[in-house]
């Protein structure tokens, strides 16, 4: 049995595994890569955020980000680097757009 990260949404992971045709070894490798990325991000975070434990840091990562990370890691491990880069860029754009929209909303709220 292959272990998935406990924060990775199970149904989404199943869809990714099925759509990419991943075997147990590929799932394990993608999960390990994703875990290394999160641990590295936790170690390299700014000084103001260093009060969070790894567990707390992982809790702060939205489920959709876990799913995108898993898919990007799987695509990279399959050698499908262009698709992985495209997915990463799209996720960044959506994340940036979401932050811009929430910032604009906050400004409108303050202006009232």
PDB file of N, CA and C in Angstrom:
ATOM      1  N   UNK A   1       0.837  -1.184   0.000  1.00  0.00           N
ATOM      2  CA  UNK A   1       0.000   0.000   0.000  1.00  0.00           C
ATOM      3  C   UNK A   1       0.880   1.244   0.000  1.00  0.00           C
ATOM      4  N   UNK A   2       0.495   2.218  -0.779  1.00  0.00           N
ATOM      5  CA  UNK A   2       1.248   3.450  -0.909  1.00  0.00           C
ATOM      6  C   UNK A   2       0.704   4.489   0.062  1.00  0.00           C
ATOM      7  N   UNK A   3       1.603   5.160   0.761  1.00  0.00           N
ATOM      8  CA  UNK A   3       1.190   6.181   1.716  1.00  0.00           C
ATOM      9  C   UNK A   3       1.167   7.550   1.044  1.00  0.00           C
ATOM     10  N   UNK A   4       0.039   8.215   1.154  1.00  0.00           N
ATOM     11  CA  UNK A   4      -0.089   9.587   0.688  1.00  0.00           C
ATOM     12  C   UNK A   4       0.091  10.512   1.880  1.00  0.00           C
ATOM     13  N   UNK A   5       0.472  11.736   1.619  1.00  0.00           N
ATOM     14  CA  UNK A   5       0.596  12.707   2.701  1.00  0.00           C
ATOM     15  C   UNK A   5      -0.783  12.921   3.308  1.00  0.00           C
ATOM     16  N   UNK A   6      -0.838  13.031   4.635  1.00  0.00           N
ATOM     17  CA  UNK A   6      -2.140  13.103   5.306  1.00  0.00           C
ATOM     18  C   UNK A   6      -2.924  14.368   4.980  1.00  0.00           C
ATOM     19  N   UNK A   7      -2.284  15.390   4.451  1.00  0.00           N
ATOM     20  CA  UNK A   7      -2.992  16.628   4.110  1.00  0.00           C
ATOM     21  C   UNK A   7      -3.401  16.693   2.637  1.00  0.00           C
ATOM     22  N   UNK A   8      -2.972  15.731   1.871  1.00  0.00           N
ATOM     23  CA  UNK A   8      -3.331  15.673   0.455  1.00  0.00           C
ATOM     24  C   UNK A   8      -4.775  15.183   0.343  1.00  0.00           C
ATOM     25  N   UNK A   9      -5.659  15.969  -0.284  1.00  0.00           N
ATOM     26  CA  UNK A   9      -7.059  15.541  -0.413  1.00  0.00           C
ATOM     27  C   UNK A   9      -7.149  14.194  -1.146  1.00  0.00           C
ATOM     28  N   UNK A  10      -7.736  13.209  -0.498  1.00  0.00           N
ATOM     29  CA  UNK A  10      -7.747  11.839  -0.981  1.00  0.00           C
ATOM     30  C   UNK A  10      -8.432  11.680  -2.340  1.00  0.00           C
ATOM     31  N   UNK A  11      -9.608  12.261  -2.504  1.00  0.00           N
ATOM     32  CA  UNK A  11     -10.327  12.119  -3.779  1.00  0.00           C
ATOM     33  C   UNK A  11      -9.562  12.775  -4.925  1.00  0.00           C
ATOM     34  N   UNK A  12      -9.002  13.937  -4.655  1.00  0.00           N
ATOM     35  CA  UNK A  12      -8.221  14.630  -5.679  1.00  0.00           C
ATOM     36  C   UNK A  12      -6.979  13.829  -6.028  1.00  0.00           C
ATOM     37  N   UNK A  13      -6.317  13.296  -5.005  1.00  0.00           N
ATOM     38  CA  UNK A  13      -5.130  12.466  -5.252  1.00  0.00           C
ATOM     39  C   UNK A  13      -5.497  11.264  -6.110  1.00  0.00           C
ATOM     40  N   UNK A  14      -6.627  10.638  -5.808  1.00  0.00           N
ATOM     41  CA  UNK A  14      -7.083   9.495  -6.601  1.00  0.00           C
ATOM     42  C   UNK A  14      -7.308   9.864  -8.054  1.00  0.00           C
ATOM     43  N   UNK A  15      -7.905  11.029  -8.286  1.00  0.00           N
ATOM     44  CA  UNK A  15      -8.117  11.500  -9.662  1.00  0.00           C
ATOM     45  C   UNK A  15      -6.788  11.717 -10.387  1.00  0.00           C
ATOM     46  N   UNK A  16      -5.839  12.321  -9.695  1.00  0.00           N
ATOM     47  CA  UNK A  16      -4.522  12.583 -10.293  1.00  0.00           C
ATOM     48  C   UNK A  16      -3.824  11.264 -10.612  1.00  0.00           C
ATOM     49  N   UNK A  17      -3.859  10.345  -9.663  1.00  0.00           N
ATOM     50  CA  UNK A  17      -3.217   9.038  -9.860  1.00  0.00           C
ATOM     51  C   UNK A  17      -3.829   8.325 -11.057  1.00  0.00           C
ATOM     52  N   UNK A  18      -5.141   8.358 -11.138  1.00  0.00           N
ATOM     53  CA  UNK A  18      -5.833   7.692 -12.254  1.00  0.00           C
ATOM     54  C   UNK A  18      -5.548   8.387 -13.584  1.00  0.00           C
ATOM     55  N   UNK A  19      -5.665   9.712 -13.607  1.00  0.00           N
ATOM     56  CA  UNK A  19      -5.463  10.453 -14.856  1.00  0.00           C
ATOM     57  C   UNK A  19      -4.041  10.330 -15.400  1.00  0.00           C
ATOM     58  N   UNK A  20      -3.065  10.260 -14.500  1.00  0.00           N
ATOM     59  CA  UNK A  20      -1.672  10.149 -14.940  1.00  0.00           C
ATOM     60  C   UNK A  20      -1.223   8.695 -15.059  1.00  0.00           C
ATOM     61  N   UNK A  21      -2.058   7.766 -14.593  1.00  0.00           N
ATOM     62  CA  UNK A  21      -1.713   6.349 -14.662  1.00  0.00           C
ATOM     63  C   UNK A  21      -0.514   5.995 -13.794  1.00  0.00           C
ATOM     64  N   UNK A  22      -0.472   6.564 -12.593  1.00  0.00           N
ATOM     65  CA  UNK A  22       0.678   6.353 -11.706  1.00  0.00           C
ATOM     66  C   UNK A  22       0.618   4.990 -11.035  1.00  0.00           C
ATOM     67  N   UNK A  23       1.781   4.375 -10.899  1.00  0.00           N
ATOM     68  CA  UNK A  23       1.860   3.141 -10.119  1.00  0.00           C
ATOM     69  C   UNK A  23       2.286   3.498  -8.692  1.00  0.00           C
ATOM     70  N   UNK A  24       2.349   2.498  -7.821  1.00  0.00           N
ATOM     71  CA  UNK A  24       2.661   2.731  -6.413  1.00  0.00           C
ATOM     72  C   UNK A  24       4.020   3.409  -6.218  1.00  0.00           C
ATOM     73  N   UNK A  25       4.999   2.991  -6.983  1.00  0.00           N
ATOM     74  CA  UNK A  25       6.339   3.578  -6.863  1.00  0.00           C
ATOM     75  C   UNK A  25       6.321   5.053  -7.270  1.00  0.00           C
ATOM     76  N   UNK A  26       5.599   5.386  -8.325  1.00  0.00           N
ATOM     77  CA  UNK A  26       5.516   6.777  -8.784  1.00  0.00           C
ATOM     78  C   UNK A  26       4.763   7.652  -7.786  1.00  0.00           C
ATOM     79  N   UNK A  27       3.728   7.093  -7.171  1.00  0.00           N
ATOM     80  CA  UNK A  27       2.984   7.826  -6.143  1.00  0.00           C
ATOM     81  C   UNK A  27       3.890   8.098  -4.945  1.00  0.00           C
ATOM     82  N   UNK A  28       4.633   7.081  -4.526  1.00  0.00           N
ATOM     83  CA  UNK A  28       5.553   7.235  -3.397  1.00  0.00           C
ATOM     84  C   UNK A  28       6.607   8.296  -3.694  1.00  0.00           C
ATOM     85  N   UNK A  29       7.144   8.282  -4.894  1.00  0.00           N
ATOM     86  CA  UNK A  29       8.174   9.254  -5.276  1.00  0.00           C
ATOM     87  C   UNK A  29       7.608  10.673  -5.314  1.00  0.00           C
ATOM     88  N   UNK A  30       6.411  10.839  -5.870  1.00  0.00           N
ATOM     89  CA  UNK A  30       5.782  12.161  -5.930  1.00  0.00           C
ATOM     90  C   UNK A  30       5.477  12.671  -4.525  1.00  0.00           C
ATOM     91  N   UNK A  31       5.006  11.786  -3.662  1.00  0.00           N
ATOM     92  CA  UNK A  31       4.702  12.160  -2.276  1.00  0.00           C
ATOM     93  C   UNK A  31       5.970  12.568  -1.535  1.00  0.00           C
ATOM     94  N   UNK A  32       7.042  11.828  -1.724  1.00  0.00           N
ATOM     95  CA  UNK A  32       8.316  12.149  -1.067  1.00  0.00           C
ATOM     96  C   UNK A  32       8.863  13.482  -1.571  1.00  0.00           C
ATOM     97  N   UNK A  33       8.757  13.732  -2.858  1.00  0.00           N
ATOM     98  CA  UNK A  33       9.228  15.000  -3.425  1.00  0.00           C
ATOM     99  C   UNK A  33       8.424  16.160  -2.851  1.00  0.00           C
ATOM    100  N   UNK A  34       7.107  15.996  -2.793  1.00  0.00           N
ATOM    101  CA  UNK A  34       6.232  17.020  -2.247  1.00  0.00           C
ATOM    102  C   UNK A  34       6.582  17.287  -0.779  1.00  0.00           C
ATOM    103  N   UNK A  35       6.831  16.258  -0.024  1.00  0.00           N
ATOM    104  CA  UNK A  35       7.192  16.398   1.381  1.00  0.00           C
ATOM    105  C   UNK A  35       8.507  17.154   1.541  1.00  0.00           C
ATOM    106  N   UNK A  36       9.485  16.859   0.685  1.00  0.00           N
ATOM    107  CA  UNK A  36      10.774  17.579   0.732  1.00  0.00           C
ATOM    108  C   UNK A  36      10.578  19.063   0.438  1.00  0.00           C
ATOM    109  N   UNK A  37       9.726  19.377  -0.515  1.00  0.00           N
ATOM    110  CA  UNK A  37       9.473  20.779  -0.881  1.00  0.00           C
ATOM    111  C   UNK A  37       8.875  21.532   0.302  1.00  0.00           C
ATOM    112  N   UNK A  38       7.895  20.927   0.958  1.00  0.00           N
ATOM    113  CA  UNK A  38       7.240  21.582   2.092  1.00  0.00           C
ATOM    114  C   UNK A  38       8.215  21.751   3.255  1.00  0.00           C
ATOM    115  N   UNK A  39       9.005  20.720   3.539  1.00  0.00           N
ATOM    116  CA  UNK A  39       9.992  20.827   4.617  1.00  0.00           C
ATOM    117  C   UNK A  39      11.032  21.913   4.321  1.00  0.00           C
ATOM    118  N   UNK A  40      11.436  22.014   3.078  1.00  0.00           N
ATOM    119  CA  UNK A  40      12.410  23.049   2.697  1.00  0.00           C
ATOM    120  C   UNK A  40      11.791  24.435   2.847  1.00  0.00           C
ATOM    121  N   UNK A  41      10.549  24.592   2.408  1.00  0.00           N
ATOM    122  CA  UNK A  41       9.860  25.883   2.556  1.00  0.00           C
ATOM    123  C   UNK A  41       9.729  26.252   4.033  1.00  0.00           C
ATOM    124  N   UNK A  42       9.458  25.257   4.875  1.00  0.00           N
ATOM    125  CA  UNK A  42       9.342  25.496   6.313  1.00  0.00           C
ATOM    126  C   UNK A  42      10.677  25.971   6.898  1.00  0.00           C
ATOM    127  N   UNK A  43      11.767  25.321   6.488  1.00  0.00           N
ATOM    128  CA  UNK A  43      13.097  25.698   6.996  1.00  0.00           C
ATOM    129  C   UNK A  43      13.526  27.079   6.511  1.00  0.00           C
ATOM    130  N   UNK A  44      13.104  27.481   5.315  1.00  0.00           N
ATOM    131  CA  UNK A  44      13.583  28.726   4.718  1.00  0.00           C
ATOM    132  C   UNK A  44      12.630  29.907   4.897  1.00  0.00           C
ATOM    133  N   UNK A  45      11.602  29.758   5.710  1.00  0.00           N
ATOM    134  CA  UNK A  45      10.630  30.836   5.872  1.00  0.00           C
ATOM    135  C   UNK A  45      11.246  32.031   6.591  1.00  0.00           C
ATOM    136  N   UNK A  46      10.632  33.203   6.425  1.00  0.00           N
ATOM    137  CA  UNK A  46      11.152  34.418   7.052  1.00  0.00           C
ATOM    138  C   UNK A  46      11.174  34.324   8.576  1.00  0.00           C
ATOM    139  N   UNK A  47      12.030  35.115   9.192  1.00  0.00           N
ATOM    140  CA  UNK A  47      12.211  35.081  10.644  1.00  0.00           C
ATOM    141  C   UNK A  47      10.899  35.296  11.400  1.00  0.00           C
ATOM    142  N   UNK A  48      10.032  36.143  10.898  1.00  0.00           N
ATOM    143  CA  UNK A  48       8.764  36.431  11.571  1.00  0.00           C
ATOM    144  C   UNK A  48       7.848  35.212  11.638  1.00  0.00           C
ATOM    145  N   UNK A  49       8.046  34.251  10.764  1.00  0.00           N
ATOM    146  CA  UNK A  49       7.194  33.066  10.715  1.00  0.00           C
ATOM    147  C   UNK A  49       7.853  31.838  11.340  1.00  0.00           C
ATOM    148  N   UNK A  50       8.992  31.997  11.936  1.00  0.00           N
ATOM    149  CA  UNK A  50       9.720  30.842  12.477  1.00  0.00           C
ATOM    150  C   UNK A  50       9.150  30.308  13.783  1.00  0.00           C
ATOM    151  N   UNK A  51       8.095  30.901  14.266  1.00  0.00           N
ATOM    152  CA  UNK A  51       7.472  30.392  15.489  1.00  0.00           C
ATOM    153  C   UNK A  51       6.582  29.190  15.203  1.00  0.00           C
ATOM    154  N   UNK A  52       6.242  28.952  13.934  1.00  0.00           N
ATOM    155  CA  UNK A  52       5.399  27.821  13.560  1.00  0.00           C
ATOM    156  C   UNK A  52       6.194  26.522  13.551  1.00  0.00           C
ATOM    157  N   UNK A  53       5.596  25.475  14.077  1.00  0.00           N
ATOM    158  CA  UNK A  53       6.193  24.150  13.943  1.00  0.00           C
ATOM    159  C   UNK A  53       5.930  23.651  12.526  1.00  0.00           C
ATOM    160  N   UNK A  54       6.579  22.576  12.139  1.00  0.00           N
ATOM    161  CA  UNK A  54       6.328  21.998  10.819  1.00  0.00           C
ATOM    162  C   UNK A  54       4.853  21.628  10.675  1.00  0.00           C
ATOM    163  N   UNK A  55       4.307  21.041  11.716  1.00  0.00           N
ATOM    164  CA  UNK A  55       2.891  20.635  11.710  1.00  0.00           C
ATOM    165  C   UNK A  55       1.969  21.841  11.485  1.00  0.00           C
ATOM    166  N   UNK A  56       2.237  22.931  12.186  1.00  0.00           N
ATOM    167  CA  UNK A  56       1.431  24.146  12.038  1.00  0.00           C
ATOM    168  C   UNK A  56       1.602  24.742  10.640  1.00  0.00           C
ATOM    169  N   UNK A  57       2.823  24.703  10.136  1.00  0.00           N
ATOM    170  CA  UNK A  57       3.100  25.211   8.794  1.00  0.00           C
ATOM    171  C   UNK A  57       2.324  24.403   7.758  1.00  0.00           C
ATOM    172  N   UNK A  58       2.355  23.080   7.888  1.00  0.00           N
ATOM    173  CA  UNK A  58       1.623  22.214   6.961  1.00  0.00           C
ATOM    174  C   UNK A  58       0.122  22.459   7.051  1.00  0.00           C
ATOM    175  N   UNK A  59      -0.377  22.715   8.261  1.00  0.00           N
ATOM    176  CA  UNK A  59      -1.802  23.014   8.439  1.00  0.00           C
ATOM    177  C   UNK A  59      -2.209  24.283   7.699  1.00  0.00           C
ATOM    178  N   UNK A  60      -1.280  25.223   7.571  1.00  0.00           N
ATOM    179  CA  UNK A  60      -1.579  26.505   6.927  1.00  0.00           C
ATOM    180  C   UNK A  60      -1.611  26.408   5.398  1.00  0.00           C
ATOM    181  N   UNK A  61      -1.098  25.318   4.850  1.00  0.00           N
ATOM    182  CA  UNK A  61      -1.105  25.143   3.390  1.00  0.00           C
ATOM    183  C   UNK A  61      -2.503  24.674   2.969  1.00  0.00           C
ATOM    184  N   UNK A  62      -3.178  25.429   2.077  1.00  0.00           N
ATOM    185  CA  UNK A  62      -4.525  25.045   1.652  1.00  0.00           C
ATOM    186  C   UNK A  62      -4.520  23.692   0.921  1.00  0.00           C
ATOM    187  N   UNK A  63      -5.597  22.920   1.065  1.00  0.00           N
ATOM    188  CA  UNK A  63      -5.677  21.613   0.407  1.00  0.00           C
ATOM    189  C   UNK A  63      -5.446  21.676  -1.105  1.00  0.00           C
ATOM    190  N   UNK A  64      -5.918  22.737  -1.744  1.00  0.00           N
ATOM    191  CA  UNK A  64      -5.720  22.835  -3.198  1.00  0.00           C
ATOM    192  C   UNK A  64      -4.237  22.956  -3.551  1.00  0.00           C
ATOM    193  N   UNK A  65      -3.443  23.568  -2.675  1.00  0.00           N
ATOM    194  CA  UNK A  65      -2.004  23.681  -2.933  1.00  0.00           C
ATOM    195  C   UNK A  65      -1.316  22.325  -2.804  1.00  0.00           C
ATOM    196  N   UNK A  66      -1.785  21.505  -1.841  1.00  0.00           N
ATOM    197  CA  UNK A  66      -1.233  20.155  -1.706  1.00  0.00           C
ATOM    198  C   UNK A  66      -1.490  19.367  -2.985  1.00  0.00           C
ATOM    199  N   UNK A  67      -2.704  19.495  -3.520  1.00  0.00           N
ATOM    200  CA  UNK A  67      -3.074  18.754  -4.732  1.00  0.00           C
ATOM    201  C   UNK A  67      -2.236  19.195  -5.933  1.00  0.00           C
ATOM    202  N   UNK A  68      -2.064  20.499  -6.089  1.00  0.00           N
ATOM    203  CA  UNK A  68      -1.259  21.007  -7.210  1.00  0.00           C
ATOM    204  C   UNK A  68       0.190  20.555  -7.057  1.00  0.00           C
ATOM    205  N   UNK A  69       0.710  20.636  -5.834  1.00  0.00           N
ATOM    206  CA  UNK A  69       2.089  20.196  -5.595  1.00  0.00           C
ATOM    207  C   UNK A  69       2.277  18.729  -5.948  1.00  0.00           C
ATOM    208  N   UNK A  70       1.322  17.905  -5.535  1.00  0.00           N
ATOM    209  CA  UNK A  70       1.401  16.477  -5.830  1.00  0.00           C
ATOM    210  C   UNK A  70       1.392  16.237  -7.337  1.00  0.00           C
ATOM    211  N   UNK A  71       0.491  16.913  -8.047  1.00  0.00           N
ATOM    212  CA  UNK A  71       0.417  16.714  -9.496  1.00  0.00           C
ATOM    213  C   UNK A  71       1.680  17.204 -10.194  1.00  0.00           C
ATOM    214  N   UNK A  72       2.193  18.347  -9.787  1.00  0.00           N
ATOM    215  CA  UNK A  72       3.427  18.872 -10.390  1.00  0.00           C
ATOM    216  C   UNK A  72       4.596  17.924 -10.135  1.00  0.00           C
ATOM    217  N   UNK A  73       4.713  17.419  -8.913  1.00  0.00           N
ATOM    218  CA  UNK A  73       5.787  16.468  -8.587  1.00  0.00           C
ATOM    219  C   UNK A  73       5.656  15.204  -9.429  1.00  0.00           C
ATOM    220  N   UNK A  74       4.428  14.698  -9.571  1.00  0.00           N
ATOM    221  CA  UNK A  74       4.208  13.488 -10.367  1.00  0.00           C
ATOM    222  C   UNK A  74       4.569  13.742 -11.830  1.00  0.00           C
ATOM    223  N   UNK A  75       4.133  14.874 -12.370  1.00  0.00           N
ATOM    224  CA  UNK A  75       4.453  15.200 -13.770  1.00  0.00           C
ATOM    225  C   UNK A  75       5.961  15.304 -13.972  1.00  0.00           C
ATOM    226  N   UNK A  76       6.640  15.984 -13.061  1.00  0.00           N
ATOM    227  CA  UNK A  76       8.104  16.098 -13.166  1.00  0.00           C
ATOM    228  C   UNK A  76       8.765  14.733 -13.113  1.00  0.00           C
ATOM    229  N   UNK A  77       8.320  13.892 -12.194  1.00  0.00           N
ATOM    230  CA  UNK A  77       8.905  12.562 -12.062  1.00  0.00           C
ATOM    231  C   UNK A  77       8.638  11.691 -13.284  1.00  0.00           C
ATOM    232  N   UNK A  78       7.564  11.996 -14.014  1.00  0.00           N
ATOM    233  CA  UNK A  78       7.261  11.270 -15.255  1.00  0.00           C
ATOM    234  C   UNK A  78       8.016  11.844 -16.455  1.00  0.00           C
ATOM    235  N   UNK A  79       8.765  12.925 -16.225  1.00  0.00           N
ATOM    236  CA  UNK A  79       9.503  13.560 -17.314  1.00  0.00           C
ATOM    237  C   UNK A  79       8.656  14.528 -18.126  1.00  0.00           C
ATOM    238  N   UNK A  80       7.475  14.843 -17.635  1.00  0.00           N
ATOM    239  CA  UNK A  80       6.562  15.750 -18.335  1.00  0.00           C
ATOM    240  C   UNK A  80       6.745  17.165 -17.779  1.00  0.00           C
ATOM    241  N   UNK A  81       7.966  17.672 -17.982  1.00  0.00           N
ATOM    242  CA  UNK A  81       8.384  18.931 -17.375  1.00  0.00           C
ATOM    243  C   UNK A  81       7.598  20.134 -17.892  1.00  0.00           C
ATOM    244  N   UNK A  82       7.272  20.150 -19.170  1.00  0.00           N
ATOM    245  CA  UNK A  82       6.538  21.282 -19.741  1.00  0.00           C
ATOM    246  C   UNK A  82       5.152  21.385 -19.109  1.00  0.00           C
ATOM    247  N   UNK A  83       4.479  20.249 -18.955  1.00  0.00           N
ATOM    248  CA  UNK A  83       3.151  20.255 -18.319  1.00  0.00           C
ATOM    249  C   UNK A  83       3.250  20.681 -16.858  1.00  0.00           C
ATOM    250  N   UNK A  84       4.288  20.224 -16.183  1.00  0.00           N
ATOM    251  CA  UNK A  84       4.480  20.593 -14.778  1.00  0.00           C
ATOM    252  C   UNK A  84       4.712  22.094 -14.652  1.00  0.00           C
ATOM    253  N   UNK A  85       5.513  22.638 -15.538  1.00  0.00           N
ATOM    254  CA  UNK A  85       5.797  24.080 -15.506  1.00  0.00           C
ATOM    255  C   UNK A  85       4.548  24.884 -15.826  1.00  0.00           C
ATOM    256  N   UNK A  86       3.763  24.420 -16.795  1.00  0.00           N
ATOM    257  CA  UNK A  86       2.523  25.102 -17.156  1.00  0.00           C
ATOM    258  C   UNK A  86       1.556  25.111 -15.971  1.00  0.00           C
ATOM    259  N   UNK A  87       1.417  23.982 -15.309  1.00  0.00           N
ATOM    260  CA  UNK A  87       0.541  23.888 -14.139  1.00  0.00           C
ATOM    261  C   UNK A  87       1.038  24.784 -13.013  1.00  0.00           C
ATOM    262  N   UNK A  88       2.334  24.807 -12.780  1.00  0.00           N
ATOM    263  CA  UNK A  88       2.918  25.663 -11.745  1.00  0.00           C
ATOM    264  C   UNK A  88       2.653  27.126 -12.046  1.00  0.00           C
ATOM    265  N   UNK A  89       2.879  27.525 -13.303  1.00  0.00           N
ATOM    266  CA  UNK A  89       2.645  28.922 -13.683  1.00  0.00           C
ATOM    267  C   UNK A  89       1.176  29.308 -13.537  1.00  0.00           C
ATOM    268  N   UNK A  90       0.278  28.425 -13.932  1.00  0.00           N
ATOM    269  CA  UNK A  90      -1.156  28.699 -13.796  1.00  0.00           C
ATOM    270  C   UNK A  90      -1.534  28.846 -12.321  1.00  0.00           C
ATOM    271  N   UNK A  91      -1.002  27.978 -11.469  1.00  0.00           N
ATOM    272  CA  UNK A  91      -1.290  28.057 -10.035  1.00  0.00           C
ATOM    273  C   UNK A  91      -0.779  29.369  -9.450  1.00  0.00           C
ATOM    274  N   UNK A  92       0.400  29.787  -9.870  1.00  0.00           N
ATOM    275  CA  UNK A  92       0.952  31.068  -9.392  1.00  0.00           C
ATOM    276  C   UNK A  92       0.074  32.231  -9.814  1.00  0.00           C
ATOM    277  N   UNK A  93      -0.372  32.215 -11.071  1.00  0.00           N
ATOM    278  CA  UNK A  93      -1.240  33.293 -11.560  1.00  0.00           C
ATOM    279  C   UNK A  93      -2.547  33.349 -10.781  1.00  0.00           C
ATOM    280  N   UNK A  94      -3.139  32.181 -10.538  1.00  0.00           N
ATOM    281  CA  UNK A  94      -4.382  32.146  -9.767  1.00  0.00           C
ATOM    282  C   UNK A  94      -4.162  32.608  -8.337  1.00  0.00           C
ATOM    283  N   UNK A  95      -3.055  32.215  -7.748  1.00  0.00           N
ATOM    284  CA  UNK A  95      -2.743  32.624  -6.385  1.00  0.00           C
ATOM    285  C   UNK A  95      -2.534  34.132  -6.310  1.00  0.00           C
ATOM    286  N   UNK A  96      -1.826  34.680  -7.284  1.00  0.00           N
ATOM    287  CA  UNK A  96      -1.593  36.118  -7.339  1.00  0.00           C
ATOM    288  C   UNK A  96      -2.905  36.863  -7.550  1.00  0.00           C
ATOM    289  N   UNK A  97      -3.749  36.360  -8.447  1.00  0.00           N
ATOM    290  CA  UNK A  97      -5.040  36.995  -8.707  1.00  0.00           C
ATOM    291  C   UNK A  97      -5.911  36.954  -7.460  1.00  0.00           C
ATOM    292  N   UNK A  98      -5.878  35.841  -6.747  1.00  0.00           N
ATOM    293  CA  UNK A  98      -6.654  35.721  -5.518  1.00  0.00           C
ATOM    294  C   UNK A  98      -6.200  36.697  -4.451  1.00  0.00           C
ATOM    295  N   UNK A  99      -4.893  36.865  -4.327  1.00  0.00           N
ATOM    296  CA  UNK A  99      -4.361  37.813  -3.351  1.00  0.00           C
ATOM    297  C   UNK A  99      -4.707  39.236  -3.745  1.00  0.00           C
ATOM    298  N   UNK A 100      -4.636  39.547  -5.045  1.00  0.00           N
ATOM    299  CA  UNK A 100      -4.972  40.886  -5.521  1.00  0.00           C
ATOM    300  C   UNK A 100      -6.434  41.194  -5.256  1.00  0.00           C
ATOM    301  N   UNK A 101      -7.302  40.224  -5.507  1.00  0.00           N
ATOM    302  CA  UNK A 101      -8.735  40.419  -5.289  1.00  0.00           C
ATOM    303  C   UNK A 101      -9.034  40.623  -3.807  1.00  0.00           C
ATOM    304  N   UNK A 102      -8.375  39.856  -2.943  1.00  0.00           N
ATOM    305  CA  UNK A 102      -8.638  40.007  -1.509  1.00  0.00           C
ATOM    306  C   UNK A 102      -8.077  41.327  -0.998  1.00  0.00           C
ATOM    307  N   UNK A 103      -6.968  41.784  -1.548  1.00  0.00           N
ATOM    308  CA  UNK A 103      -6.399  43.074  -1.159  1.00  0.00           C
ATOM    309  C   UNK A 103      -7.314  44.204  -1.603  1.00  0.00           C
ATOM    310  N   UNK A 104      -7.835  44.099  -2.831  1.00  0.00           N
ATOM    311  CA  UNK A 104      -8.751  45.122  -3.342  1.00  0.00           C
ATOM    312  C   UNK A 104     -10.025  45.154  -2.513  1.00  0.00           C
ATOM    313  N   UNK A 105     -10.522  43.977  -2.126  1.00  0.00           N
ATOM    314  CA  UNK A 105     -11.719  43.899  -1.292  1.00  0.00           C
ATOM    315  C   UNK A 105     -11.495  44.544   0.063  1.00  0.00           C
ATOM    316  N   UNK A 106     -10.322  44.312   0.632  1.00  0.00           N
ATOM    317  CA  UNK A 106      -9.996  44.903   1.932  1.00  0.00           C
ATOM    318  C   UNK A 106      -9.917  46.421   1.836  1.00  0.00           C
ATOM    319  N   UNK A 107      -9.361  46.915   0.720  1.00  0.00           N
ATOM    320  CA  UNK A 107      -9.277  48.369   0.529  1.00  0.00           C
ATOM    321  C   UNK A 107     -10.670  48.974   0.413  1.00  0.00           C
ATOM    322  N   UNK A 108     -11.571  48.303  -0.324  1.00  0.00           N
ATOM    323  CA  UNK A 108     -12.939  48.794  -0.461  1.00  0.00           C
ATOM    324  C   UNK A 108     -13.636  48.804   0.888  1.00  0.00           C
ATOM    325  N   UNK A 109     -13.397  47.762   1.681  1.00  0.00           N
ATOM    326  CA  UNK A 109     -14.010  47.669   3.003  1.00  0.00           C
ATOM    327  C   UNK A 109     -13.526  48.808   3.884  1.00  0.00           C
ATOM    328  N   UNK A 110     -12.250  49.127   3.852  1.00  0.00           N
ATOM    329  CA  UNK A 110     -11.705  50.224   4.662  1.00  0.00           C
ATOM    330  C   UNK A 110     -12.230  51.564   4.190  1.00  0.00           C
ATOM    331  N   UNK A 111     -12.465  51.710   2.877  1.00  0.00           N
ATOM    332  CA  UNK A 111     -12.932  52.986   2.316  1.00  0.00           C
ATOM    333  C   UNK A 111     -14.362  53.289   2.743  1.00  0.00           C
ATOM    334  N   UNK A 112     -15.124  52.288   3.106  1.00  0.00           N
ATOM    335  CA  UNK A 112     -16.535  52.502   3.509  1.00  0.00           C
ATOM    336  C   UNK A 112     -16.588  53.143   4.810  1.00  0.00           C
TER     337      UNK A 112
END
